Amino acid sequence: MAHFLVILLDDKRFSAIKGTEIEEKVSNLFGGALKAINVEVPEDAEKKIMETFTSARIDSRGAITDVPIAFTRAIFEEIAAQKSIGAEIFENVFSKIEEIKEAAAKESSCLPPPDIDISDIEELQKHPYQGE
């Protein structure tokens, strides 16, 4: 059975793949509130993931979960650079696995802050009561 990684997309990530073939493979989660790409993982890459990251698991859907944020970030960066979700992205990511493992080790003590635009929230905080 083929397994897959779920790569979540915020607006910034989605804009990086907009207009490519990958955009057609984007699925909506939670009624469209969140977007994701299911990236099929070749068997050899799956074995490397499971060996490299002891926290990695395969859930009931067949999704590989509990991998470090640094790994999923590297996967997305490769997808955006190559405009592909083929097996070659895993080869390139695994060529940088030592850097990814170093970043992943830091995650266990402190998760990196998300890179998201919160300017709309900051604007709302200026006027917390909408009826005014």
N, C-alpha and C. Protein backbone atom coordinates (compact mmCIF):
# COMPACT_ATOMS: atom_id res chain seq x y z
N MET A 1 0.84 -1.19 0.00
CA MET A 1 0.00 0.00 0.00
C MET A 1 0.89 1.25 0.00
N ALA A 2 0.60 2.15 -0.90
CA ALA A 2 1.37 3.40 -0.96
C ALA A 2 0.95 4.32 0.18
N HIS A 3 1.94 4.95 0.79
CA HIS A 3 1.68 5.89 1.86
C HIS A 3 1.96 7.30 1.36
N PHE A 4 1.52 8.29 2.12
CA PHE A 4 1.66 9.67 1.68
C PHE A 4 1.96 10.59 2.84
N LEU A 5 2.51 11.75 2.52
CA LEU A 5 2.72 12.82 3.48
C LEU A 5 1.70 13.91 3.20
N VAL A 6 1.16 14.49 4.23
CA VAL A 6 0.23 15.60 4.08
C VAL A 6 1.02 16.89 4.31
N ILE A 7 1.09 17.72 3.29
CA ILE A 7 1.79 19.00 3.39
C ILE A 7 0.72 20.09 3.46
N LEU A 8 0.63 20.74 4.62
CA LEU A 8 -0.36 21.79 4.81
C LEU A 8 0.10 23.07 4.12
N LEU A 9 -0.87 23.80 3.57
CA LEU A 9 -0.56 25.01 2.81
C LEU A 9 -1.24 26.23 3.42
N ASP A 10 -0.45 27.21 3.80
CA ASP A 10 -1.03 28.50 4.15
C ASP A 10 -1.08 29.32 2.86
N ASP A 11 -1.50 30.58 2.95
CA ASP A 11 -1.63 31.40 1.75
C ASP A 11 -0.29 31.59 1.04
N LYS A 12 0.77 31.77 1.81
CA LYS A 12 2.10 31.98 1.23
C LYS A 12 2.56 30.74 0.46
N ARG A 13 2.38 29.58 1.06
CA ARG A 13 2.77 28.34 0.38
C ARG A 13 1.89 28.10 -0.84
N PHE A 14 0.59 28.34 -0.70
CA PHE A 14 -0.31 28.11 -1.82
C PHE A 14 0.06 28.99 -3.01
N SER A 15 0.43 30.25 -2.73
CA SER A 15 0.79 31.15 -3.82
C SER A 15 2.06 30.66 -4.55
N ALA A 16 2.92 29.92 -3.85
CA ALA A 16 4.15 29.41 -4.46
C ALA A 16 3.87 28.31 -5.49
N ILE A 17 2.72 27.65 -5.39
CA ILE A 17 2.40 26.58 -6.34
C ILE A 17 1.21 26.93 -7.23
N LYS A 18 0.63 28.09 -7.01
CA LYS A 18 -0.53 28.51 -7.79
C LYS A 18 -0.15 28.60 -9.27
N GLY A 19 -1.01 28.08 -10.12
CA GLY A 19 -0.78 28.11 -11.55
C GLY A 19 0.06 26.95 -12.07
N THR A 20 0.44 26.03 -11.20
CA THR A 20 1.20 24.85 -11.63
C THR A 20 0.29 23.63 -11.61
N GLU A 21 0.79 22.52 -12.11
CA GLU A 21 0.02 21.27 -12.09
C GLU A 21 -0.30 20.83 -10.67
N ILE A 22 0.55 21.23 -9.73
CA ILE A 22 0.36 20.83 -8.33
C ILE A 22 -0.92 21.43 -7.77
N GLU A 23 -1.29 22.61 -8.23
CA GLU A 23 -2.50 23.27 -7.72
C GLU A 23 -3.72 22.38 -7.90
N GLU A 24 -3.75 21.60 -8.96
CA GLU A 24 -4.88 20.69 -9.21
C GLU A 24 -4.96 19.57 -8.18
N LYS A 25 -3.86 19.30 -7.51
CA LYS A 25 -3.82 18.21 -6.52
C LYS A 25 -4.07 18.69 -5.10
N VAL A 26 -4.31 19.98 -4.94
CA VAL A 26 -4.57 20.55 -3.62
C VAL A 26 -5.98 20.14 -3.17
N SER A 27 -6.09 19.71 -1.94
CA SER A 27 -7.40 19.36 -1.39
C SER A 27 -7.74 20.33 -0.26
N ASN A 28 -9.01 20.53 -0.07
CA ASN A 28 -9.50 21.40 1.01
C ASN A 28 -9.82 20.56 2.22
N LEU A 29 -9.43 21.07 3.37
CA LEU A 29 -9.74 20.43 4.65
C LEU A 29 -10.62 21.37 5.46
N PHE A 30 -11.43 20.84 6.32
CA PHE A 30 -12.28 21.63 7.21
C PHE A 30 -13.08 22.66 6.44
N GLY A 31 -13.75 22.21 5.38
CA GLY A 31 -14.61 23.10 4.61
C GLY A 31 -13.87 24.19 3.87
N GLY A 32 -12.62 23.94 3.53
CA GLY A 32 -11.83 24.92 2.78
C GLY A 32 -11.03 25.87 3.65
N ALA A 33 -11.13 25.72 4.96
CA ALA A 33 -10.38 26.60 5.86
C ALA A 33 -8.88 26.32 5.79
N LEU A 34 -8.52 25.13 5.35
CA LEU A 34 -7.13 24.72 5.26
C LEU A 34 -6.93 23.97 3.96
N LYS A 35 -5.79 24.15 3.34
CA LYS A 35 -5.48 23.44 2.10
C LYS A 35 -4.29 22.51 2.35
N ALA A 36 -4.24 21.43 1.58
CA ALA A 36 -3.16 20.46 1.75
C ALA A 36 -2.86 19.75 0.44
N ILE A 37 -1.66 19.22 0.36
CA ILE A 37 -1.27 18.36 -0.75
C ILE A 37 -0.91 17.01 -0.14
N ASN A 38 -1.45 15.95 -0.71
CA ASN A 38 -1.06 14.61 -0.31
C ASN A 38 0.03 14.15 -1.27
N VAL A 39 1.24 13.99 -0.75
CA VAL A 39 2.39 13.63 -1.57
C VAL A 39 2.67 12.14 -1.39
N GLU A 40 2.53 11.39 -2.46
CA GLU A 40 2.79 9.96 -2.39
C GLU A 40 4.28 9.73 -2.13
N VAL A 41 4.57 8.83 -1.19
CA VAL A 41 5.94 8.57 -0.78
C VAL A 41 6.37 7.21 -1.34
N PRO A 42 7.44 7.19 -2.14
CA PRO A 42 7.94 5.91 -2.64
C PRO A 42 8.40 5.02 -1.49
N GLU A 43 8.37 3.73 -1.69
CA GLU A 43 8.69 2.78 -0.62
C GLU A 43 10.07 3.00 -0.02
N ASP A 44 11.08 3.24 -0.87
CA ASP A 44 12.43 3.44 -0.33
C ASP A 44 12.51 4.71 0.51
N ALA A 45 11.82 5.77 0.08
CA ALA A 45 11.80 7.02 0.86
C ALA A 45 11.05 6.81 2.17
N GLU A 46 9.98 6.03 2.13
CA GLU A 46 9.22 5.74 3.35
C GLU A 46 10.12 5.04 4.38
N LYS A 47 10.90 4.08 3.93
CA LYS A 47 11.81 3.37 4.84
C LYS A 47 12.82 4.32 5.46
N LYS A 48 13.37 5.23 4.63
CA LYS A 48 14.34 6.21 5.14
C LYS A 48 13.69 7.14 6.16
N ILE A 49 12.47 7.57 5.88
CA ILE A 49 11.76 8.45 6.81
C ILE A 49 11.57 7.75 8.15
N MET A 50 11.10 6.51 8.10
CA MET A 50 10.81 5.77 9.33
C MET A 50 12.09 5.46 10.12
N GLU A 51 13.19 5.23 9.41
CA GLU A 51 14.47 4.96 10.08
C GLU A 51 15.08 6.23 10.66
N THR A 52 14.94 7.33 9.92
CA THR A 52 15.58 8.59 10.32
C THR A 52 14.85 9.27 11.47
N PHE A 53 13.53 9.25 11.43
CA PHE A 53 12.73 9.95 12.44
C PHE A 53 11.93 8.93 13.25
N THR A 54 12.41 8.66 14.44
CA THR A 54 11.78 7.62 15.26
C THR A 54 10.36 7.99 15.69
N SER A 55 10.01 9.27 15.62
CA SER A 55 8.66 9.68 15.99
C SER A 55 7.65 9.43 14.86
N ALA A 56 8.12 9.17 13.66
CA ALA A 56 7.23 9.00 12.50
C ALA A 56 6.33 7.79 12.66
N ARG A 57 5.09 7.97 12.25
CA ARG A 57 4.09 6.90 12.33
C ARG A 57 3.27 6.89 11.05
N ILE A 58 2.58 5.79 10.80
CA ILE A 58 1.63 5.71 9.69
C ILE A 58 0.26 5.57 10.31
N ASP A 59 -0.62 6.52 9.99
CA ASP A 59 -1.95 6.50 10.60
C ASP A 59 -2.91 5.60 9.80
N SER A 60 -4.15 5.54 10.23
CA SER A 60 -5.13 4.64 9.62
C SER A 60 -5.47 5.01 8.18
N ARG A 61 -5.19 6.25 7.77
CA ARG A 61 -5.44 6.67 6.39
C ARG A 61 -4.29 6.27 5.47
N GLY A 62 -3.15 5.90 6.07
CA GLY A 62 -1.96 5.61 5.29
C GLY A 62 -1.05 6.82 5.19
N ALA A 63 -1.32 7.84 5.99
CA ALA A 63 -0.50 9.05 5.99
C ALA A 63 0.66 8.88 6.96
N ILE A 64 1.82 9.32 6.53
CA ILE A 64 2.99 9.32 7.41
C ILE A 64 2.91 10.60 8.23
N THR A 65 2.83 10.45 9.54
CA THR A 65 2.64 11.59 10.43
C THR A 65 3.77 11.66 11.45
N ASP A 66 3.71 12.69 12.26
CA ASP A 66 4.66 12.90 13.36
C ASP A 66 6.11 12.99 12.90
N VAL A 67 6.30 13.56 11.70
CA VAL A 67 7.65 13.85 11.24
C VAL A 67 7.98 15.28 11.65
N PRO A 68 9.25 15.61 11.80
CA PRO A 68 9.60 16.97 12.22
C PRO A 68 9.13 18.05 11.24
N ILE A 69 8.85 19.20 11.78
CA ILE A 69 8.44 20.34 10.96
C ILE A 69 9.53 20.65 9.94
N ALA A 70 10.79 20.55 10.35
CA ALA A 70 11.91 20.83 9.44
C ALA A 70 11.86 19.92 8.21
N PHE A 71 11.42 18.69 8.39
CA PHE A 71 11.34 17.76 7.26
C PHE A 71 10.21 18.15 6.32
N THR A 72 9.03 18.41 6.87
CA THR A 72 7.91 18.79 5.99
C THR A 72 8.19 20.14 5.31
N ARG A 73 8.88 21.03 6.01
CA ARG A 73 9.25 22.31 5.39
C ARG A 73 10.20 22.07 4.22
N ALA A 74 11.18 21.18 4.40
CA ALA A 74 12.12 20.87 3.32
C ALA A 74 11.41 20.22 2.14
N ILE A 75 10.46 19.35 2.43
CA ILE A 75 9.67 18.72 1.35
C ILE A 75 8.93 19.79 0.57
N PHE A 76 8.25 20.71 1.28
CA PHE A 76 7.52 21.75 0.55
C PHE A 76 8.47 22.63 -0.26
N GLU A 77 9.60 23.03 0.31
CA GLU A 77 10.55 23.87 -0.42
C GLU A 77 11.00 23.19 -1.70
N GLU A 78 11.18 21.89 -1.65
CA GLU A 78 11.58 21.15 -2.85
C GLU A 78 10.44 21.08 -3.85
N ILE A 79 9.22 20.91 -3.36
CA ILE A 79 8.04 20.90 -4.24
C ILE A 79 7.94 22.25 -4.95
N ALA A 80 8.07 23.33 -4.21
CA ALA A 80 7.96 24.67 -4.79
C ALA A 80 9.08 24.93 -5.79
N ALA A 81 10.29 24.47 -5.49
CA ALA A 81 11.42 24.71 -6.38
C ALA A 81 11.30 23.91 -7.68
N GLN A 82 10.86 22.65 -7.56
CA GLN A 82 10.80 21.79 -8.73
C GLN A 82 9.45 21.79 -9.42
N LYS A 83 8.45 22.38 -8.77
CA LYS A 83 7.08 22.38 -9.31
C LYS A 83 6.64 20.95 -9.63
N SER A 84 6.96 20.05 -8.70
CA SER A 84 6.67 18.63 -8.87
C SER A 84 6.43 17.99 -7.51
N ILE A 85 5.65 16.91 -7.52
CA ILE A 85 5.50 16.11 -6.30
C ILE A 85 5.94 14.67 -6.58
N GLY A 86 6.87 14.53 -7.52
CA GLY A 86 7.39 13.22 -7.89
C GLY A 86 8.44 12.72 -6.91
N ALA A 87 8.91 11.51 -7.16
CA ALA A 87 9.88 10.85 -6.27
C ALA A 87 11.19 11.62 -6.16
N GLU A 88 11.53 12.41 -7.17
CA GLU A 88 12.81 13.13 -7.16
C GLU A 88 12.91 14.14 -6.02
N ILE A 89 11.78 14.62 -5.51
CA ILE A 89 11.86 15.57 -4.40
C ILE A 89 12.45 14.92 -3.16
N PHE A 90 12.17 13.64 -2.97
CA PHE A 90 12.70 12.93 -1.80
C PHE A 90 14.21 12.75 -1.90
N GLU A 91 14.70 12.47 -3.11
CA GLU A 91 16.14 12.33 -3.30
C GLU A 91 16.86 13.61 -2.89
N ASN A 92 16.34 14.74 -3.33
CA ASN A 92 16.97 16.02 -3.01
C ASN A 92 16.87 16.35 -1.52
N VAL A 93 15.75 16.04 -0.92
CA VAL A 93 15.60 16.30 0.51
C VAL A 93 16.55 15.40 1.32
N PHE A 94 16.65 14.14 0.94
CA PHE A 94 17.53 13.25 1.68
C PHE A 94 19.00 13.60 1.49
N SER A 95 19.33 14.34 0.44
CA SER A 95 20.71 14.77 0.29
C SER A 95 21.07 15.84 1.33
N LYS A 96 20.05 16.47 1.94
CA LYS A 96 20.25 17.48 2.98
C LYS A 96 19.79 16.99 4.36
N ILE A 97 19.76 15.68 4.53
CA ILE A 97 19.14 15.12 5.73
C ILE A 97 19.87 15.49 7.02
N GLU A 98 21.17 15.67 6.98
CA GLU A 98 21.90 16.03 8.20
C GLU A 98 21.47 17.41 8.70
N GLU A 99 21.32 18.38 7.79
CA GLU A 99 20.84 19.72 8.17
C GLU A 99 19.43 19.64 8.74
N ILE A 100 18.60 18.82 8.12
CA ILE A 100 17.21 18.67 8.55
C ILE A 100 17.17 18.03 9.94
N LYS A 101 18.02 17.04 10.19
CA LYS A 101 18.06 16.39 11.50
C LYS A 101 18.52 17.37 12.59
N GLU A 102 19.45 18.26 12.25
CA GLU A 102 19.89 19.27 13.21
C GLU A 102 18.74 20.21 13.57
N ALA A 103 18.02 20.67 12.55
CA ALA A 103 16.88 21.55 12.80
C ALA A 103 15.79 20.81 13.58
N ALA A 104 15.60 19.53 13.27
CA ALA A 104 14.58 18.73 13.97
C ALA A 104 14.94 18.54 15.44
N ALA A 105 16.23 18.41 15.73
CA ALA A 105 16.67 18.24 17.12
C ALA A 105 16.32 19.47 17.95
N LYS A 106 16.40 20.63 17.34
CA LYS A 106 16.06 21.87 18.04
C LYS A 106 14.57 21.95 18.33
N GLU A 107 13.76 21.32 17.48
CA GLU A 107 12.30 21.35 17.66
C GLU A 107 11.87 20.69 18.95
N SER A 108 12.62 19.71 19.41
CA SER A 108 12.21 18.99 20.61
C SER A 108 12.25 19.88 21.85
N SER A 109 13.08 20.93 21.81
CA SER A 109 13.13 21.84 22.96
C SER A 109 12.31 23.11 22.72
N CYS A 110 12.16 23.49 21.46
CA CYS A 110 11.43 24.72 21.15
C CYS A 110 10.95 24.68 19.71
N LEU A 111 9.65 24.70 19.51
CA LEU A 111 9.11 24.71 18.15
C LEU A 111 9.35 26.07 17.51
N PRO A 112 9.70 26.09 16.23
CA PRO A 112 9.90 27.37 15.57
C PRO A 112 8.55 28.09 15.40
N PRO A 113 8.54 29.41 15.47
CA PRO A 113 7.28 30.12 15.28
C PRO A 113 6.83 29.99 13.83
N PRO A 114 5.53 29.91 13.61
CA PRO A 114 5.05 29.81 12.23
C PRO A 114 5.29 31.11 11.48
N ASP A 115 5.51 30.99 10.20
CA ASP A 115 5.74 32.16 9.36
C ASP A 115 4.40 32.51 8.70
N ILE A 116 3.57 33.26 9.44
CA ILE A 116 2.25 33.62 8.93
C ILE A 116 2.01 35.12 9.07
N ASP A 117 1.16 35.62 8.22
CA ASP A 117 0.80 37.04 8.25
C ASP A 117 -0.37 37.21 9.21
N ILE A 118 -0.17 38.00 10.27
CA ILE A 118 -1.24 38.22 11.25
C ILE A 118 -1.67 39.69 11.29
N SER A 119 -1.36 40.43 10.23
CA SER A 119 -1.68 41.85 10.22
C SER A 119 -3.18 42.10 10.36
N ASP A 120 -4.03 41.23 9.80
CA ASP A 120 -5.47 41.41 9.93
C ASP A 120 -5.91 41.22 11.39
N ILE A 121 -5.28 40.31 12.09
CA ILE A 121 -5.60 40.09 13.51
C ILE A 121 -5.14 41.27 14.34
N GLU A 122 -3.96 41.77 14.04
CA GLU A 122 -3.44 42.93 14.76
C GLU A 122 -4.36 44.13 14.57
N GLU A 123 -4.90 44.28 13.38
CA GLU A 123 -5.83 45.39 13.09
C GLU A 123 -7.12 45.22 13.90
N LEU A 124 -7.62 44.00 14.00
CA LEU A 124 -8.82 43.74 14.79
C LEU A 124 -8.58 44.01 16.27
N GLN A 125 -7.37 43.75 16.75
CA GLN A 125 -7.07 43.96 18.15
C GLN A 125 -7.07 45.45 18.53
N LYS A 126 -6.91 46.31 17.55
CA LYS A 126 -6.95 47.75 17.82
C LYS A 126 -8.36 48.18 18.23
N HIS A 127 -9.35 47.46 17.69
CA HIS A 127 -10.77 47.75 17.99
C HIS A 127 -11.45 46.44 18.36
N PRO A 128 -11.27 45.99 19.59
CA PRO A 128 -11.78 44.67 19.98
C PRO A 128 -13.31 44.55 19.96
N TYR A 129 -14.00 45.65 20.08
CA TYR A 129 -15.45 45.60 20.08
C TYR A 129 -15.94 46.07 18.72
N GLN A 130 -16.46 45.15 17.94
CA GLN A 130 -16.81 45.43 16.55
C GLN A 130 -18.01 46.37 16.42
N GLY A 131 -18.82 46.50 17.44
CA GLY A 131 -19.99 47.35 17.37
C GLY A 131 -19.71 48.82 17.52
N GLU A 132 -18.50 49.19 17.86
CA GLU A 132 -18.16 50.59 18.10
C GLU A 132 -17.89 51.35 16.83
